[in-house]
């Protein structure tokens, strides 16, 4: 009897220990470390804007440690310093199936069956890179949100605010990654 109680305590400790050792929800990129500079190729490419000095290629992103109950993800890219501090939304995507654990370089720059395109400040449904004016660094925040929504639950074309309204009560956790950029001149 005494041996059985000890075995149950040990087994219980192993189960609790395993549960507390769950992998954290993390977003990363093989192209840049958190709070590190973004390569110029990731900057915007509008020829009519001299601040757009890149190719608007989306950086590669990876994530792991999906929270329990995750069914889909949303991914938003913002520049809080843009437009004189009012912010610029560079990308709104959602309906990313839980089986997807990242995007290759350039994959977010064009429509895909791996995500539903929302609507950025520029009116685009895909990635658009930084067009930072000369001077200070801007911080480009990639925010990955785990949700319990079916990937097909939300209609295309939602703005960030509309998306966040639709996600209320359906989020599991979020992970972030910041890339910095400034005009190279």
C-alpha atoms as a PDB file:
ATOM      1  CA  UNK A   1       0.000   0.000   0.000  1.00  0.00           C
ATOM      2  CA  UNK A   2       2.799   2.389   0.941  1.00  0.00           C
ATOM      3  CA  UNK A   3       4.650   1.622  -2.337  1.00  0.00           C
ATOM      4  CA  UNK A   4       1.466   2.312  -4.365  1.00  0.00           C
ATOM      5  CA  UNK A   5       1.020   5.743  -2.747  1.00  0.00           C
ATOM      6  CA  UNK A   6       4.639   6.671  -3.459  1.00  0.00           C
ATOM      7  CA  UNK A   7       4.288   5.530  -7.080  1.00  0.00           C
ATOM      8  CA  UNK A   8       1.137   7.672  -7.468  1.00  0.00           C
ATOM      9  CA  UNK A   9       2.930  10.707  -6.023  1.00  0.00           C
ATOM     10  CA  UNK A  10       5.889  10.211  -8.345  1.00  0.00           C
ATOM     11  CA  UNK A  11       3.613   9.716 -11.346  1.00  0.00           C
ATOM     12  CA  UNK A  12       1.622  12.802 -10.385  1.00  0.00           C
ATOM     13  CA  UNK A  13       4.862  14.785 -10.111  1.00  0.00           C
ATOM     14  CA  UNK A  14       5.932  13.629 -13.563  1.00  0.00           C
ATOM     15  CA  UNK A  15       2.623  14.658 -15.076  1.00  0.00           C
ATOM     16  CA  UNK A  16       2.718  18.092 -13.425  1.00  0.00           C
ATOM     17  CA  UNK A  17       6.385  18.481 -14.407  1.00  0.00           C
ATOM     18  CA  UNK A  18       5.589  17.636 -18.004  1.00  0.00           C
ATOM     19  CA  UNK A  19       2.673  20.063 -18.132  1.00  0.00           C
ATOM     20  CA  UNK A  20       4.752  22.951 -16.782  1.00  0.00           C
ATOM     21  CA  UNK A  21       7.520  22.278 -19.303  1.00  0.00           C
ATOM     22  CA  UNK A  22       5.287  23.073 -22.303  1.00  0.00           C
ATOM     23  CA  UNK A  23       7.042  24.833 -25.179  1.00  0.00           C
ATOM     24  CA  UNK A  24       6.437  28.611 -25.144  1.00  0.00           C
ATOM     25  CA  UNK A  25       4.585  30.202 -28.058  1.00  0.00           C
ATOM     26  CA  UNK A  26       7.367  31.826 -30.095  1.00  0.00           C
ATOM     27  CA  UNK A  27       7.650  33.756 -33.357  1.00  0.00           C
ATOM     28  CA  UNK A  28      11.068  34.023 -35.031  1.00  0.00           C
ATOM     29  CA  UNK A  29      12.809  34.622 -38.335  1.00  0.00           C
ATOM     30  CA  UNK A  30      15.981  33.109 -39.774  1.00  0.00           C
ATOM     31  CA  UNK A  31      16.549  36.481 -41.507  1.00  0.00           C
ATOM     32  CA  UNK A  32      16.732  38.736 -38.422  1.00  0.00           C
ATOM     33  CA  UNK A  33      16.835  38.531 -34.638  1.00  0.00           C
ATOM     34  CA  UNK A  34      14.244  40.226 -32.439  1.00  0.00           C
ATOM     35  CA  UNK A  35      14.795  44.012 -32.465  1.00  0.00           C
ATOM     36  CA  UNK A  36      17.483  43.710 -35.175  1.00  0.00           C
ATOM     37  CA  UNK A  37      17.591  45.599 -38.484  1.00  0.00           C
ATOM     38  CA  UNK A  38      15.650  44.321 -41.500  1.00  0.00           C
ATOM     39  CA  UNK A  39      17.485  43.888 -44.802  1.00  0.00           C
ATOM     40  CA  UNK A  40      16.729  46.529 -47.444  1.00  0.00           C
ATOM     41  CA  UNK A  41      15.081  43.933 -49.720  1.00  0.00           C
ATOM     42  CA  UNK A  42      12.226  43.718 -47.163  1.00  0.00           C
ATOM     43  CA  UNK A  43      11.460  47.460 -47.571  1.00  0.00           C
ATOM     44  CA  UNK A  44       8.601  48.674 -49.766  1.00  0.00           C
ATOM     45  CA  UNK A  45       8.982  49.049 -53.525  1.00  0.00           C
ATOM     46  CA  UNK A  46       6.668  51.880 -54.642  1.00  0.00           C
ATOM     47  CA  UNK A  47       8.559  53.694 -57.375  1.00  0.00           C
ATOM     48  CA  UNK A  48       6.551  56.910 -56.789  1.00  0.00           C
ATOM     49  CA  UNK A  49       7.777  57.117 -53.167  1.00  0.00           C
ATOM     50  CA  UNK A  50      11.484  57.914 -52.652  1.00  0.00           C
ATOM     51  CA  UNK A  51      11.274  56.383 -49.143  1.00  0.00           C
ATOM     52  CA  UNK A  52      10.499  52.965 -50.661  1.00  0.00           C
ATOM     53  CA  UNK A  53      13.982  51.607 -51.335  1.00  0.00           C
ATOM     54  CA  UNK A  54      13.425  47.843 -51.335  1.00  0.00           C
ATOM     55  CA  UNK A  55      11.712  45.014 -53.162  1.00  0.00           C
ATOM     56  CA  UNK A  56       8.783  44.461 -50.734  1.00  0.00           C
ATOM     57  CA  UNK A  57       9.792  40.842 -50.207  1.00  0.00           C
ATOM     58  CA  UNK A  58       8.316  39.481 -46.987  1.00  0.00           C
ATOM     59  CA  UNK A  59      10.850  38.034 -44.556  1.00  0.00           C
ATOM     60  CA  UNK A  60      10.670  34.351 -43.632  1.00  0.00           C
ATOM     61  CA  UNK A  61       8.822  33.678 -40.375  1.00  0.00           C
ATOM     62  CA  UNK A  62       8.531  30.570 -38.197  1.00  0.00           C
ATOM     63  CA  UNK A  63       6.596  29.770 -35.054  1.00  0.00           C
ATOM     64  CA  UNK A  64       6.243  26.987 -32.527  1.00  0.00           C
ATOM     65  CA  UNK A  65       4.536  26.150 -29.253  1.00  0.00           C
ATOM     66  CA  UNK A  66       0.927  26.621 -30.358  1.00  0.00           C
ATOM     67  CA  UNK A  67      -1.310  27.019 -27.307  1.00  0.00           C
ATOM     68  CA  UNK A  68      -3.801  24.231 -26.571  1.00  0.00           C
ATOM     69  CA  UNK A  69      -7.027  24.689 -28.504  1.00  0.00           C
ATOM     70  CA  UNK A  70      -5.446  26.652 -31.371  1.00  0.00           C
ATOM     71  CA  UNK A  71      -7.321  26.176 -34.655  1.00  0.00           C
ATOM     72  CA  UNK A  72      -5.933  29.082 -36.703  1.00  0.00           C
ATOM     73  CA  UNK A  73      -3.617  32.078 -36.560  1.00  0.00           C
ATOM     74  CA  UNK A  74      -3.756  35.748 -37.481  1.00  0.00           C
ATOM     75  CA  UNK A  75      -0.606  37.682 -38.395  1.00  0.00           C
ATOM     76  CA  UNK A  76      -0.428  41.480 -38.372  1.00  0.00           C
ATOM     77  CA  UNK A  77       2.502  43.803 -39.156  1.00  0.00           C
ATOM     78  CA  UNK A  78       2.477  47.356 -37.800  1.00  0.00           C
ATOM     79  CA  UNK A  79       4.798  50.362 -37.700  1.00  0.00           C
ATOM     80  CA  UNK A  80       3.740  52.365 -34.621  1.00  0.00           C
ATOM     81  CA  UNK A  81       6.010  55.308 -35.541  1.00  0.00           C
ATOM     82  CA  UNK A  82       4.608  55.599 -39.071  1.00  0.00           C
ATOM     83  CA  UNK A  83       2.459  58.565 -40.117  1.00  0.00           C
ATOM     84  CA  UNK A  84       3.965  60.723 -37.398  1.00  0.00           C
ATOM     85  CA  UNK A  85       3.036  58.303 -34.609  1.00  0.00           C
ATOM     86  CA  UNK A  86      -0.460  57.414 -35.826  1.00  0.00           C
ATOM     87  CA  UNK A  87       0.894  54.103 -37.102  1.00  0.00           C
ATOM     88  CA  UNK A  88       0.864  52.211 -40.367  1.00  0.00           C
ATOM     89  CA  UNK A  89      -0.612  48.744 -40.781  1.00  0.00           C
ATOM     90  CA  UNK A  90       1.642  46.972 -43.288  1.00  0.00           C
ATOM     91  CA  UNK A  91      -0.125  43.604 -43.331  1.00  0.00           C
ATOM     92  CA  UNK A  92      -3.300  41.949 -42.039  1.00  0.00           C
ATOM     93  CA  UNK A  93      -3.596  38.194 -42.589  1.00  0.00           C
ATOM     94  CA  UNK A  94      -5.713  35.591 -40.817  1.00  0.00           C
ATOM     95  CA  UNK A  95      -7.357  32.219 -41.338  1.00  0.00           C
ATOM     96  CA  UNK A  96      -3.898  30.641 -41.232  1.00  0.00           C
ATOM     97  CA  UNK A  97      -4.510  26.916 -40.514  1.00  0.00           C
ATOM     98  CA  UNK A  98      -2.942  25.478 -37.362  1.00  0.00           C
ATOM     99  CA  UNK A  99      -0.863  23.079 -39.506  1.00  0.00           C
ATOM    100  CA  UNK A 100       1.038  26.056 -40.960  1.00  0.00           C
ATOM    101  CA  UNK A 101       4.110  26.847 -38.831  1.00  0.00           C
ATOM    102  CA  UNK A 102       5.718  29.546 -40.918  1.00  0.00           C
ATOM    103  CA  UNK A 103       6.111  31.330 -44.219  1.00  0.00           C
ATOM    104  CA  UNK A 104       9.072  31.245 -46.596  1.00  0.00           C
ATOM    105  CA  UNK A 105      10.725  34.451 -47.766  1.00  0.00           C
ATOM    106  CA  UNK A 106       8.383  36.252 -50.163  1.00  0.00           C
ATOM    107  CA  UNK A 107       5.411  33.999 -49.431  1.00  0.00           C
ATOM    108  CA  UNK A 108       3.384  36.753 -47.707  1.00  0.00           C
ATOM    109  CA  UNK A 109       4.040  39.153 -50.596  1.00  0.00           C
ATOM    110  CA  UNK A 110       1.482  37.463 -52.843  1.00  0.00           C
ATOM    111  CA  UNK A 111      -1.943  35.856 -52.339  1.00  0.00           C
ATOM    112  CA  UNK A 112      -1.880  32.303 -51.003  1.00  0.00           C
ATOM    113  CA  UNK A 113      -4.238  29.554 -49.942  1.00  0.00           C
ATOM    114  CA  UNK A 114      -2.349  29.533 -46.596  1.00  0.00           C
ATOM    115  CA  UNK A 115      -3.981  32.774 -45.402  1.00  0.00           C
ATOM    116  CA  UNK A 116      -6.891  35.138 -45.880  1.00  0.00           C
ATOM    117  CA  UNK A 117      -5.809  38.637 -46.855  1.00  0.00           C
ATOM    118  CA  UNK A 118      -7.140  41.540 -44.855  1.00  0.00           C
ATOM    119  CA  UNK A 119      -6.659  45.216 -45.637  1.00  0.00           C
ATOM    120  CA  UNK A 120      -3.533  47.213 -44.777  1.00  0.00           C
ATOM    121  CA  UNK A 121      -3.273  50.990 -44.519  1.00  0.00           C
ATOM    122  CA  UNK A 122      -2.245  50.888 -48.200  1.00  0.00           C
ATOM    123  CA  UNK A 123      -5.395  48.885 -49.047  1.00  0.00           C
ATOM    124  CA  UNK A 124      -3.423  45.708 -49.774  1.00  0.00           C
ATOM    125  CA  UNK A 125      -4.251  42.108 -48.809  1.00  0.00           C
ATOM    126  CA  UNK A 126      -0.580  41.045 -48.669  1.00  0.00           C
ATOM    127  CA  UNK A 127       2.723  42.191 -47.193  1.00  0.00           C
ATOM    128  CA  UNK A 128       4.048  45.643 -48.012  1.00  0.00           C
ATOM    129  CA  UNK A 129       7.462  46.562 -46.619  1.00  0.00           C
ATOM    130  CA  UNK A 130       8.722  49.647 -44.810  1.00  0.00           C
ATOM    131  CA  UNK A 131       8.960  52.994 -46.591  1.00  0.00           C
ATOM    132  CA  UNK A 132      10.644  54.800 -43.745  1.00  0.00           C
ATOM    133  CA  UNK A 133      11.703  58.407 -44.304  1.00  0.00           C
ATOM    134  CA  UNK A 134      15.375  59.282 -43.728  1.00  0.00           C
ATOM    135  CA  UNK A 135      16.239  59.732 -40.066  1.00  0.00           C
ATOM    136  CA  UNK A 136      15.092  57.694 -37.106  1.00  0.00           C
ATOM    137  CA  UNK A 137      14.579  53.961 -36.891  1.00  0.00           C
ATOM    138  CA  UNK A 138      11.037  52.591 -37.088  1.00  0.00           C
ATOM    139  CA  UNK A 139       9.987  49.384 -35.340  1.00  0.00           C
ATOM    140  CA  UNK A 140       8.056  46.846 -37.429  1.00  0.00           C
ATOM    141  CA  UNK A 141       6.075  44.600 -35.103  1.00  0.00           C
ATOM    142  CA  UNK A 142       5.012  41.184 -36.362  1.00  0.00           C
ATOM    143  CA  UNK A 143       2.212  39.932 -34.100  1.00  0.00           C
ATOM    144  CA  UNK A 144       1.067  36.317 -34.396  1.00  0.00           C
ATOM    145  CA  UNK A 145      -2.228  35.554 -32.644  1.00  0.00           C
ATOM    146  CA  UNK A 146      -3.409  32.002 -31.925  1.00  0.00           C
ATOM    147  CA  UNK A 147      -7.193  31.658 -32.183  1.00  0.00           C
ATOM    148  CA  UNK A 148      -9.898  29.038 -31.754  1.00  0.00           C
ATOM    149  CA  UNK A 149     -11.643  30.129 -34.975  1.00  0.00           C
ATOM    150  CA  UNK A 150     -12.001  27.944 -38.042  1.00  0.00           C
ATOM    151  CA  UNK A 151      -9.613  29.219 -40.761  1.00  0.00           C
ATOM    152  CA  UNK A 152     -12.599  29.985 -43.017  1.00  0.00           C
ATOM    153  CA  UNK A 153     -14.639  31.779 -40.327  1.00  0.00           C
ATOM    154  CA  UNK A 154     -13.763  35.344 -41.341  1.00  0.00           C
ATOM    155  CA  UNK A 155     -14.382  37.083 -44.653  1.00  0.00           C
ATOM    156  CA  UNK A 156     -11.482  38.562 -46.655  1.00  0.00           C
ATOM    157  CA  UNK A 157     -10.661  42.263 -46.484  1.00  0.00           C
ATOM    158  CA  UNK A 158     -10.883  42.987 -42.751  1.00  0.00           C
ATOM    159  CA  UNK A 159      -8.866  45.898 -41.402  1.00  0.00           C
ATOM    160  CA  UNK A 160      -6.766  45.347 -38.281  1.00  0.00           C
ATOM    161  CA  UNK A 161      -9.463  46.912 -36.085  1.00  0.00           C
ATOM    162  CA  UNK A 162     -12.202  44.792 -37.680  1.00  0.00           C
ATOM    163  CA  UNK A 163     -10.051  41.680 -37.262  1.00  0.00           C
ATOM    164  CA  UNK A 164      -9.345  42.437 -33.600  1.00  0.00           C
ATOM    165  CA  UNK A 165     -13.079  42.955 -33.027  1.00  0.00           C
ATOM    166  CA  UNK A 166     -13.838  39.572 -34.621  1.00  0.00           C
ATOM    167  CA  UNK A 167     -11.107  37.886 -32.546  1.00  0.00           C
ATOM    168  CA  UNK A 168     -12.450  39.162 -29.216  1.00  0.00           C
ATOM    169  CA  UNK A 169     -13.117  36.125 -27.033  1.00  0.00           C
ATOM    170  CA  UNK A 170     -11.372  33.779 -29.486  1.00  0.00           C
ATOM    171  CA  UNK A 171      -7.672  34.347 -28.794  1.00  0.00           C
ATOM    172  CA  UNK A 172      -5.434  31.785 -27.104  1.00  0.00           C
ATOM    173  CA  UNK A 173      -2.140  33.702 -26.929  1.00  0.00           C
ATOM    174  CA  UNK A 174       0.109  35.942 -29.003  1.00  0.00           C
ATOM    175  CA  UNK A 175       3.778  36.039 -29.942  1.00  0.00           C
ATOM    176  CA  UNK A 176       5.689  38.990 -31.324  1.00  0.00           C
ATOM    177  CA  UNK A 177       8.835  39.808 -33.241  1.00  0.00           C
ATOM    178  CA  UNK A 178      10.257  43.258 -33.983  1.00  0.00           C
ATOM    179  CA  UNK A 179      12.398  44.227 -36.946  1.00  0.00           C
ATOM    180  CA  UNK A 180      13.875  47.716 -37.174  1.00  0.00           C
ATOM    181  CA  UNK A 181      14.351  49.707 -40.363  1.00  0.00           C
ATOM    182  CA  UNK A 182      15.506  53.157 -41.387  1.00  0.00           C
ATOM    183  CA  UNK A 183      16.133  54.728 -44.746  1.00  0.00           C
ATOM    184  CA  UNK A 184      19.705  53.817 -45.792  1.00  0.00           C
ATOM    185  CA  UNK A 185      20.695  57.378 -46.752  1.00  0.00           C
END
